[in-house]
Amino acid sequence: MPPSPKRPRAAAAAACPAMLLLLLLLLCLGWARGHSRGAAGLPPNATTPISIMGLMPLSQPEEDQKSKIGRGVLPAVQLAMDQIRNESLLKPYSLDLRLYDTECDNAKGLKAFYDAIKYGPNHLMVFGGVCATVTSIIAESLKGWNLVQLSFAATTPELADKKKYPYFFRTVPSDNAVNPAILKLLKYYEWKRVGTLTQDVQRFSEVRNDLTGVLYGEDIEISDTESFSNDPCTNVKKLKGNDVRIILGQFDEQMAAKVFCCAYDEEMYGSKYQWIIPGWYESSWWESWINSSQCLSKNLLTAMEGYIGVDFEPLSSKVIKTISGRTPQQYEKEYNDKRGDGQSSKFHGYAYDGIWVIAKTLQRAMKYLNTTNKHQKIEDFNYTNHKLGKIFLDAMNETNFFGVTGQVVFRNGERMGTIKFTQFQDRKEVKVGEYNAVADILEIINNTIRFQGLEPPKDKTIIQEQLRKISLPLYSILSALTILGMIMASAFLFFNIKNRNQKLIKMSSPYMNNLIILGGMLSYASIFLFGLDGSFVSEKTFETLCTVRTWILTVGYTTAFGAMFAKTWRVHAIFKNVKMKKKIIKDQKLMVIVGGMLLIDLCILICWQVVDPLRRTVEKYNMELDPAGRDISIRPILEHCENTHMTIWLGIVYAYKGLLMLFGCFLAWETRNVSIPALNDSKYIGMSVYNVGIMCIIGAAVSFLTRDQPNVQFCIVALVIIFCSTITLCLVFVPKLDKDLEEVTMQLQDTPEKTTYIKQNHYQDLNDILSIRNFTDSKDGEKAVLKNHLDQNPQAQWSTTEPSRTSKDPIEDINSPEHIQRRLSLQLPILHHAYLPSIGGVDASCASPCVSPSASPRHRHVPPSFRVMVSGL
């Protein structure tokens, strides 16, 4: 018989109370056990774990650099946690680091983060963050979960934005942290002009932009900013074209090989250049990228030699005990022992200090809660507890201790760490210095940094302007010659003044001679001024000398040749113009003529000075290499005296002087047959004009061609002036001086040579006057004049003549004493009456070469209106 349907339900109903009783019993038993433990407290060695979320790549392939970082820091993390637990720093708590693999992938990293939030315990903080993109995504959402994150390897500058990432901290300095260190290095070597070369990647661009802000206002010029994507050669060439010597580079290893290959091609290496690049490249990084750089290994290494790398310091070099009680060197040994043959990472010290930062932060938070709110514990934290999250944030900002990586302190969440400088020397990197960001101190290790030259490279091509100046020995030699010339001129002046009353000197117009000497001395004096340049005088003085020396040379030239030409004009007026009325031509009138010439000079010079004065100008030439081999370029400069319309003013002066020279040549030609040396200097004037003209033309041409060679130019100008002045003075005065010396010598000797001297020198000149005029006296007139002459010379001067001369044929004996005595009886009275101012004068008709011999007896009866009185000769 089938069972009744109500029996199962009855059995079930009967079983329910039993099951409920069993469940209640279990619950009560569990409560009792828990209550018993709570009453008794935790065991002496037991601690409450507090969870820390660890985010890092762990499971990537072995060759992946990011996964190597994660695996490389784990031994350091374990060391820190063990040491903290042993020191009971967080008693009664212990750190429980729960690792989550982000695989350095944005999606997987974000999923790992949310899985930890949903399925894991309440994590008080986040430790880790290696890959920049994953870290930035997670860090941006931390505020919503009230979680503080501490990274040990994320160096991207983007994470420094505290408005976007207010709960993000890092124990490793950011890439931007090297910029203050670079600034300190630039100041240390006094580099004030730099250029940047940046790869078009956000990470490098951010560093470059921050560097621009750091250098702004520090008196350091960024003269050129170049960026590239793939081929840097064009940009390297531009840097060289802009004369950039100090190059701040931001690029990865692959591009670094290309950059240095281009630098080798452009010769941007060696003693003149300094490259400063990131120092975080792997060891021997160039060997991995040599094939992609398309240049020989030795060329690449040559260009790389001496570059300076800048990176954070993995471990402190100071032998000081850290917060763990160990020195950085002791810790490093423990780390190496713990990892064994496992993977190493340069971030292990920052991970080690990071665990200590978290422990110290929680310790400060515990103390704060104990003093302010004894009912709230750190384990009470949850993702909605904003108050505890803020306490953790403030406690981390107060971090300050000495760790294995140096002083650990935060400024706006950024680690103020230590930056090291390394230099590539002989195919290896050598540490040469470090920068302490906390103390803002740069320390260069003695005798470690090596530059390619004798001194650090210059930040630009140092252009040293070098004045092309006149050589002091040359100036001294020419000045000595000039002084000798002035002494000679002074001797002529003394001779002229002392003997001014002698007939020979008086007939040559001593006052005009003095002016000739004065003009020569002024010309000599101008040489001293032409030799003074910027090496002797200041710029203002040089500009004054431009005007002074021009005036002195111009006035000296006009004074000398003007006086000479004025004398010649008087001779021309006497011997060529037979129709002049009686007129006295004194030296004063000749001085007026010279003064008129000088007045024209003054008008030209004054107009020149007022309208367009001479100024000091500097002509710059192409740069030259330093002869001493220094890293500088020499730019020769040369001082000139110029103005706006220099050609016009020189043309006016040259034209006036040229006309003056032509006028002198004309007078010399017209008076060439006047054979009285005491009166006529036409032959010497012609020689002077010829010499001066030729020398001036040659000197002007050579001086123009040697414009850029001041020594040659000054030598040519000085020698031309010395030669012209000396020749002119000697041609005018040496003949007079010789005759005077001969006359004095013969007067001291009572010998037969005296007669010969008179015949050949003194009286022969007077005889030439009559020869030119074909002058012949009648017999009666000859006797009368001879009588007059004999009355003045009662003692016959021809007694010393050899008797044998009288026996010669009369035609052959034309120079016999008798003939000479006859001619002198006719010539001396004419000279006496015509040129000596003490007598009065002579008829102009007598002076004319056109007068016939038959007219000579009548010259005394020419009316006074046709006479010319010459006085003061």
Foldseek 3Di string as FASTA:
>chain_A
DDDDPCVVVVVVVVCVVVVVVVVVVVVVVVVVVVVVDVVVDDPPLAAAEAEEEEEAAAPDDPPDPRNLQVQAQVLLLVVLQVLCSVVCLPPNYGYDYDYFHCNLDQVSLVVSVVCCQPPNAFHQEYEEDARQVNNLVVQQCQLLQLHAYEYLHHQQPVCLPCVRRVRYFYQFFHPLLCLLVVVVVCVVQVQQEAEEEEEPDNRRVVSVVSSVVVCPPVNHHHQYYHYDHAQCLVVLVVCVVSQFAEYEYEDALQVLLQVLLSCLVVVNAFQAHEYEYADPHDALSCVVNVVVNPDDPVSSLRSQAWYKHKGAQLFDPDQDQWPSRHALVVSVVSSCVSQPPHRHDSSNQRSSVVSVLQSQLQSVLQVVCVVPPVVDHSSPDGSVCNPSSVSSSVSSQPDFTQGRQGTFHDDSSGTQGKMWMWTQHPSGTDTFWMARRVVRDTDGHPPPRDHRDPGHHHRGAAEDEDEQAADPVLLVVLLVLLVVLLVVLVVLLVVLVVCCPPPLSQLLQSVLLNLLSVLLNLLSVLLNLLRDDVVHDPQVVNLVSLLVSVLSNLLSVLSNLLSVLLLLVVVCCQQPPQQDFADEDAVVVSVVSSVVLVVVVVVLSVCCCVVKGWHKDKDWDDWDQDPVRDSHIYIYIYIDTDTDPRVVSVVVSVVSVVVSLVSLLVSLVSCVLLLDLSRHLSVLSVVLSVLLVVLVVVLVVVLVVVVVNSNSNSVSSSVSSSVSSSSSSCSNRVVVVVVVVVVVVLVVDPDPVVVVCCLPPPVVSLLSQCVLLVADDDPVVLVVLLVVVCVVVVDDPQPPPDPVLVPDDCVVSCSHSVNSSSSCSVRVVQCVADEEQVNWHAASVSSYSPDDNVCVVVRVPDDNRSGYTYYRD
